[in-house]
Amino acid sequence: MKNECEVIKDLLPGYIAGILSNDTEEAVNEHIDNCENCKKMLDRMKSSLPNTSNDSDEKIEIDYLKKHNKKMRILKKLILFIILFVVVFSFGIIIKYNYISSIMQKVSNNIKEIEKQNNYVVTITEHGIDYEREKDYSYITKYYYKDDKYKTEKHSIANFDIINGNTYNYGEIDSNSQITIVDDTKTVYKENRNYVYMKKEYLLRDLKNAIQIFDTNFGLVGNLYMKSNYQIRNDRYNGKECYVFKSDCSEYYFEYWIEKDSMMLIRTVQDIYNRIYTENTYELTRDIVKDEDVSIPDLDGYTIKETNENTSDEWLEIYNNVF
């Protein structure tokens, strides 16, 4: 029969593997504590075994690093894509902003050039539809200018209760007097006041006001947002090639039509959905105004009334500062 040490030796592999029953494992522990030879044999057997724990830990660490590196590569590609997208998007906005600004700057410069001229006519036609009231209206306004004299014509047509008719104003630039002729009632008003009726720059005020948003400085971010927000297309109006700038949202849209040849504003469209639609057209003609166009006509048969208007010094100061 085997002695106790031989039995323990046979049990040591199972002991190391941890597969012995609790009673047997206790018996082995008790023998090893009292037998130096078996204890040394146990140590030799353990030392000869491969370090599976370290290998396993190393494999886990390698797998983790591989997964981490893969995630980092994906993250780097994502960050690079986002940076590239932002750069391309920003570059596109800047190009679009510069393109729109360049065109509208030319329009603004052309209006300023016209202000220096001594002979021109500006015709503005406005057509509107009031959706809520189911009414429409039209206005035609003409500004004649020649050698510091002017005439304005205003013609209105509407299918609801406002005054329809034709009104004419005659006067000189920077004058405190003006003659107004209401053709339909055959009435002439000789008007006087303590401030100017017409300055030369007023004649083109409607054109300048129409493009004012493009001449306004909103700051760097504001300019980029406001002016690059417009959609751009090429279109035709009355046989003329045009640039069209459009800004829209769920409640309204605006359009600006710029004739390519003259680089002038010729049309604006505003539609506030379900409320009101307004379309303006602008026409400018140079060197056609004759002296008789800006001269007061024969007033025979008209009722003549004189009016005087003197405003307060406080309001006059505000008026002079603003206008």
Protein backbone atom coordinates (compact mmCIF):
# COMPACT_ATOMS: atom_id res chain seq x y z
CA MET A 1 0.00 0.00 0.00
CA LYS A 2 1.08 3.54 -0.66
CA ASN A 3 2.27 5.52 2.29
CA GLU A 4 0.69 8.93 3.08
CA CYS A 5 3.31 10.97 1.12
CA GLU A 6 2.69 8.98 -2.04
CA VAL A 7 -1.06 9.51 -1.72
CA ILE A 8 -0.53 13.25 -1.23
CA LYS A 9 1.78 13.36 -4.25
CA ASP A 10 -0.99 11.82 -6.38
CA LEU A 11 -3.44 14.40 -5.05
CA LEU A 12 -1.24 17.47 -5.59
CA PRO A 13 -2.22 18.06 -9.29
CA GLY A 14 -5.90 18.10 -8.28
CA TYR A 15 -5.05 20.28 -5.30
CA ILE A 16 -3.28 22.81 -7.51
CA ALA A 17 -6.20 22.76 -9.97
CA GLY A 18 -8.67 23.24 -7.09
CA ILE A 19 -10.83 20.25 -7.96
CA LEU A 20 -10.57 18.27 -4.72
CA SER A 21 -13.43 17.91 -2.34
CA ASN A 22 -13.37 20.06 0.77
CA ASP A 23 -12.47 17.15 3.06
CA THR A 24 -9.66 15.94 0.79
CA GLU A 25 -8.29 19.47 0.36
CA GLU A 26 -8.22 19.90 4.15
CA ALA A 27 -6.35 16.64 4.51
CA VAL A 28 -3.75 17.73 1.94
CA ASN A 29 -3.35 21.10 3.71
CA GLU A 30 -2.82 19.37 7.04
CA HIS A 31 -0.20 17.00 5.57
CA ILE A 32 1.71 19.77 3.76
CA ASP A 33 1.85 21.82 6.94
CA ASN A 34 3.61 18.93 8.67
CA CYS A 35 5.66 17.46 5.78
CA GLU A 36 8.55 19.50 4.42
CA ASN A 37 9.18 17.12 1.49
CA CYS A 38 5.61 17.29 0.20
CA LYS A 39 5.58 21.08 0.63
CA LYS A 40 8.73 21.38 -1.51
CA MET A 41 7.19 19.07 -4.09
CA LEU A 42 4.08 21.29 -4.20
CA ASP A 43 6.24 24.39 -4.77
CA ARG A 44 8.15 22.64 -7.58
CA MET A 45 4.93 21.57 -9.27
CA LYS A 46 3.50 25.12 -9.05
CA SER A 47 6.68 26.69 -10.44
CA SER A 48 6.68 24.31 -13.41
CA LEU A 49 3.16 25.32 -14.44
CA PRO A 50 2.70 28.08 -17.12
CA ASN A 51 1.52 31.49 -15.78
CA THR A 52 -1.94 31.32 -17.33
CA SER A 53 -3.18 34.16 -15.18
CA ASN A 54 -0.57 36.60 -16.51
CA ASP A 55 -1.15 35.45 -20.08
CA SER A 56 -4.84 35.93 -19.70
CA ASP A 57 -4.39 39.40 -18.21
CA GLU A 58 -2.00 40.32 -20.99
CA LYS A 59 -4.47 39.14 -23.64
CA ILE A 60 -7.26 41.14 -22.01
CA GLU A 61 -5.04 44.22 -21.95
CA ILE A 62 -4.05 43.76 -25.60
CA ASP A 63 -7.70 43.34 -26.64
CA TYR A 64 -8.65 46.48 -24.70
CA LEU A 65 -5.87 48.48 -26.33
CA LYS A 66 -6.94 47.26 -29.76
CA LYS A 67 -10.55 48.29 -29.11
CA HIS A 68 -9.41 51.64 -27.64
CA ASN A 69 -7.18 52.36 -30.64
CA LYS A 70 -10.00 51.48 -33.00
CA LYS A 71 -12.37 53.84 -31.18
CA MET A 72 -9.73 56.57 -31.26
CA ARG A 73 -9.23 56.14 -35.00
CA ILE A 74 -12.98 56.41 -35.54
CA LEU A 75 -13.16 59.47 -33.26
CA LYS A 76 -10.26 61.14 -35.08
CA LYS A 77 -11.95 60.54 -38.44
CA LEU A 78 -15.22 61.94 -37.07
CA ILE A 79 -13.51 65.03 -35.67
CA LEU A 80 -11.65 65.52 -38.96
CA PHE A 81 -14.92 65.21 -40.89
CA ILE A 82 -16.63 67.75 -38.60
CA ILE A 83 -13.73 70.20 -38.93
CA LEU A 84 -13.71 69.76 -42.71
CA PHE A 85 -17.48 70.25 -42.86
CA VAL A 86 -17.30 73.43 -40.74
CA VAL A 87 -14.45 74.82 -42.87
CA VAL A 88 -16.24 74.07 -46.15
CA PHE A 89 -19.57 75.38 -44.81
CA SER A 90 -17.95 78.56 -43.47
CA PHE A 91 -16.05 79.05 -46.71
CA GLY A 92 -19.30 78.66 -48.65
CA ILE A 93 -21.04 81.23 -46.45
CA ILE A 94 -18.20 83.71 -46.91
CA ILE A 95 -18.20 83.24 -50.69
CA LYS A 96 -21.99 83.68 -50.80
CA TYR A 97 -21.82 86.74 -48.53
CA ASN A 98 -19.11 88.37 -50.65
CA TYR A 99 -21.04 87.58 -53.85
CA ILE A 100 -24.27 89.16 -52.60
CA SER A 101 -22.44 92.10 -51.03
CA SER A 102 -20.56 92.77 -54.26
CA ILE A 103 -23.75 92.90 -56.31
CA MET A 104 -25.67 95.06 -53.84
CA GLN A 105 -22.71 97.39 -53.42
CA LYS A 106 -22.79 98.02 -57.16
CA VAL A 107 -26.52 98.74 -56.94
CA SER A 108 -25.94 101.15 -54.05
CA ASN A 109 -23.11 102.88 -55.92
CA ASN A 110 -25.29 103.26 -59.02
CA ILE A 111 -28.04 104.91 -56.97
CA LYS A 112 -25.48 107.33 -55.53
CA GLU A 113 -24.27 108.09 -59.05
CA ILE A 114 -27.82 108.83 -60.18
CA GLU A 115 -28.19 111.29 -57.30
CA LYS A 116 -25.46 113.35 -58.91
CA GLN A 117 -27.35 113.57 -62.21
CA ASN A 118 -29.45 116.59 -63.17
CA ASN A 119 -32.08 114.93 -65.32
CA TYR A 120 -33.96 111.72 -64.60
CA VAL A 121 -37.34 110.11 -63.86
CA VAL A 122 -37.96 107.42 -61.28
CA THR A 123 -41.18 105.41 -61.64
CA ILE A 124 -42.36 103.16 -58.82
CA THR A 125 -45.37 100.91 -59.29
CA GLU A 126 -46.80 99.17 -56.24
CA HIS A 127 -49.43 96.48 -56.33
CA GLY A 128 -50.81 95.00 -53.13
CA ILE A 129 -53.33 92.40 -52.04
CA ASP A 130 -54.90 92.41 -48.60
CA TYR A 131 -55.78 88.74 -48.08
CA GLU A 132 -57.70 89.33 -44.86
CA ARG A 133 -59.98 91.96 -46.43
CA GLU A 134 -59.90 90.34 -49.88
CA LYS A 135 -59.01 93.69 -51.44
CA ASP A 136 -56.30 94.87 -53.78
CA TYR A 137 -54.78 98.22 -54.67
CA SER A 138 -52.21 99.83 -56.98
CA TYR A 139 -50.09 102.97 -56.73
CA ILE A 140 -47.92 104.61 -59.34
CA THR A 141 -45.46 107.26 -58.17
CA LYS A 142 -43.16 109.23 -60.47
CA TYR A 143 -40.35 111.56 -59.49
CA TYR A 144 -39.20 114.02 -62.17
CA TYR A 145 -36.02 115.97 -61.60
CA LYS A 146 -34.29 118.60 -63.71
CA ASP A 147 -31.93 121.38 -62.68
CA ASP A 148 -33.08 121.59 -59.03
CA LYS A 149 -36.77 121.49 -59.95
CA TYR A 150 -39.01 118.52 -59.32
CA LYS A 151 -42.46 117.16 -59.93
CA THR A 152 -44.02 114.14 -58.28
CA GLU A 153 -47.02 112.26 -59.61
CA LYS A 154 -49.09 109.91 -57.50
CA HIS A 155 -51.84 107.81 -59.03
CA SER A 156 -53.85 105.42 -56.89
CA ILE A 157 -56.41 102.77 -57.75
CA ALA A 158 -58.15 100.64 -55.12
CA ASN A 159 -61.34 98.65 -54.83
CA PHE A 160 -62.03 99.67 -51.23
CA ASP A 161 -62.81 102.94 -49.45
CA ILE A 162 -59.71 105.06 -49.84
CA ILE A 163 -59.22 108.10 -52.01
CA ASN A 164 -58.58 107.21 -55.62
CA GLY A 165 -57.08 109.86 -57.78
CA ASN A 166 -54.17 111.77 -59.18
CA THR A 167 -51.99 114.16 -57.20
CA TYR A 168 -49.08 116.30 -58.44
CA ASN A 169 -46.45 118.18 -56.48
CA TYR A 170 -44.23 120.94 -57.90
CA GLY A 171 -41.36 122.72 -56.27
CA GLU A 172 -37.66 123.40 -56.03
CA ILE A 173 -35.05 121.46 -54.13
CA ASP A 174 -34.44 122.71 -50.55
CA SER A 175 -37.43 125.03 -50.71
CA ASN A 176 -39.93 125.64 -47.92
CA SER A 177 -42.82 125.99 -50.36
CA GLN A 178 -44.59 123.57 -52.69
CA ILE A 179 -47.65 123.46 -54.91
CA THR A 180 -49.93 120.42 -54.72
CA ILE A 181 -52.54 119.81 -57.39
CA VAL A 182 -55.37 117.36 -56.74
CA ASP A 183 -56.57 116.75 -60.25
CA ASP A 184 -59.80 114.94 -59.39
CA THR A 185 -61.17 117.77 -57.23
CA LYS A 186 -59.60 120.57 -59.29
CA THR A 187 -57.96 121.95 -56.17
CA VAL A 188 -54.55 123.59 -55.82
CA TYR A 189 -52.78 123.92 -52.48
CA LYS A 190 -50.04 126.53 -52.21
CA GLU A 191 -48.15 125.16 -49.23
CA ASN A 192 -45.60 126.84 -47.01
CA ARG A 193 -43.82 125.58 -43.89
CA ASN A 194 -40.73 126.23 -41.84
CA TYR A 195 -38.83 123.15 -43.04
CA VAL A 196 -37.80 121.77 -46.42
CA TYR A 197 -40.30 119.91 -48.58
CA MET A 198 -37.86 118.15 -50.85
CA LYS A 199 -34.15 117.47 -50.78
CA LYS A 200 -32.46 115.97 -53.78
CA GLU A 201 -31.73 112.69 -51.99
CA TYR A 202 -35.46 112.28 -51.22
CA LEU A 203 -36.17 111.62 -54.89
CA LEU A 204 -34.41 108.25 -54.67
CA ARG A 205 -35.44 107.50 -51.10
CA ASP A 206 -37.73 104.60 -52.07
CA LEU A 207 -34.92 102.89 -53.96
CA LYS A 208 -32.47 103.40 -51.11
CA ASN A 209 -34.95 102.20 -48.50
CA ALA A 210 -35.62 99.06 -50.54
CA ILE A 211 -31.97 97.96 -50.33
CA GLN A 212 -31.25 99.45 -46.91
CA ILE A 213 -30.86 96.03 -45.30
CA PHE A 214 -27.87 95.37 -47.55
CA ASP A 215 -26.30 98.73 -46.67
CA THR A 216 -26.76 98.24 -42.92
CA ASN A 217 -23.81 97.00 -40.87
CA PHE A 218 -24.96 94.33 -38.41
CA GLY A 219 -21.45 93.42 -37.29
CA LEU A 220 -19.37 90.52 -38.60
CA VAL A 221 -21.61 87.70 -37.39
CA GLY A 222 -24.81 89.63 -38.13
CA ASN A 223 -23.68 90.48 -41.66
CA LEU A 224 -22.78 86.86 -42.39
CA TYR A 225 -26.09 85.63 -41.03
CA MET A 226 -28.36 88.29 -42.57
CA LYS A 227 -26.79 88.61 -45.98
CA SER A 228 -25.76 85.02 -46.61
CA ASN A 229 -29.22 83.81 -45.64
CA TYR A 230 -30.55 84.69 -49.09
CA GLN A 231 -31.10 82.10 -51.78
CA ILE A 232 -29.67 83.15 -55.15
CA ARG A 233 -30.97 82.34 -58.59
CA ASN A 234 -31.00 83.73 -62.12
CA ASP A 235 -34.36 84.63 -63.63
CA ARG A 236 -36.00 86.92 -66.19
CA TYR A 237 -38.42 89.78 -65.67
CA ASN A 238 -39.94 91.74 -68.57
CA GLY A 239 -37.35 90.17 -70.85
CA LYS A 240 -34.41 91.23 -68.65
CA GLU A 241 -31.86 88.89 -67.11
CA CYS A 242 -31.85 89.31 -63.34
CA TYR A 243 -30.19 88.19 -60.15
CA VAL A 244 -32.87 87.22 -57.63
CA PHE A 245 -32.17 87.18 -53.88
CA LYS A 246 -34.83 85.43 -51.82
CA SER A 247 -35.26 85.11 -48.07
CA ASP A 248 -38.10 82.99 -46.72
CA CYS A 249 -39.48 81.18 -43.70
CA SER A 250 -42.75 79.56 -42.70
CA GLU A 251 -44.49 82.95 -42.38
CA TYR A 252 -43.23 85.07 -45.31
CA TYR A 253 -40.77 85.54 -48.14
CA PHE A 254 -38.95 88.51 -49.68
CA GLU A 255 -37.39 88.81 -53.13
CA TYR A 256 -35.04 91.40 -54.64
CA TRP A 257 -34.67 91.47 -58.42
CA ILE A 258 -31.49 93.08 -59.80
CA GLU A 259 -31.17 93.68 -63.53
CA LYS A 260 -27.78 92.36 -64.66
CA ASP A 261 -27.10 94.90 -67.41
CA SER A 262 -27.79 98.05 -65.39
CA MET A 263 -27.06 96.58 -61.94
CA MET A 264 -30.17 98.30 -60.64
CA LEU A 265 -33.03 97.14 -58.46
CA ILE A 266 -36.09 96.69 -60.69
CA ARG A 267 -38.47 94.65 -58.52
CA THR A 268 -39.22 93.63 -54.92
CA VAL A 269 -41.77 91.08 -53.75
CA GLN A 270 -43.04 90.60 -50.21
CA ASP A 271 -45.59 87.97 -49.27
CA ILE A 272 -46.69 87.66 -45.64
CA TYR A 273 -48.70 84.48 -45.93
CA ASN A 274 -52.46 84.84 -45.52
CA ARG A 275 -52.08 88.53 -44.66
CA ILE A 276 -50.67 90.76 -47.39
CA TYR A 277 -48.81 90.60 -50.68
CA THR A 278 -46.84 93.58 -52.01
CA GLU A 279 -44.96 93.86 -55.30
CA ASN A 280 -42.99 96.97 -56.29
CA THR A 281 -41.33 97.65 -59.62
CA TYR A 282 -38.72 100.37 -60.18
CA GLU A 283 -37.82 102.07 -63.44
CA LEU A 284 -35.23 104.79 -63.89
CA THR A 285 -34.80 106.80 -67.07
CA ARG A 286 -32.18 109.50 -67.59
CA ASP A 287 -32.06 112.66 -69.72
CA ILE A 288 -35.68 112.71 -70.85
CA VAL A 289 -37.13 115.39 -68.54
CA LYS A 290 -38.05 118.64 -70.26
CA ASP A 291 -38.53 122.05 -68.67
CA GLU A 292 -42.29 121.86 -69.11
CA ASP A 293 -42.35 118.54 -67.17
CA VAL A 294 -41.27 120.32 -63.98
CA SER A 295 -43.07 123.62 -64.63
CA ILE A 296 -46.37 124.46 -62.95
CA PRO A 297 -49.20 124.08 -65.51
CA ASP A 298 -52.04 126.49 -66.19
CA LEU A 299 -54.24 126.52 -63.10
CA ASP A 300 -57.22 128.16 -64.71
CA GLY A 301 -60.42 126.53 -63.42
CA TYR A 302 -58.81 125.23 -60.21
CA THR A 303 -59.73 126.27 -56.68
CA ILE A 304 -56.63 127.69 -55.00
CA LYS A 305 -56.02 127.36 -51.28
CA GLU A 306 -53.05 128.51 -49.28
CA THR A 307 -51.70 126.57 -46.30
CA ASN A 308 -49.04 127.38 -43.74
CA GLU A 309 -47.44 124.84 -41.44
CA ASN A 310 -44.95 125.79 -38.77
CA THR A 311 -43.67 123.06 -36.53
CA SER A 312 -42.03 123.44 -33.13
CA ASP A 313 -38.30 124.04 -32.79
CA GLU A 314 -37.95 120.73 -30.95
CA TRP A 315 -39.57 118.71 -33.76
CA LEU A 316 -37.70 120.76 -36.35
CA GLU A 317 -34.37 119.80 -34.76
CA ILE A 318 -35.36 116.13 -34.85
CA TYR A 319 -36.48 116.43 -38.47
CA ASN A 320 -33.22 118.07 -39.56
CA ASN A 321 -31.14 115.45 -37.74
CA VAL A 322 -33.06 112.51 -39.17
CA PHE A 323 -33.67 113.77 -42.67
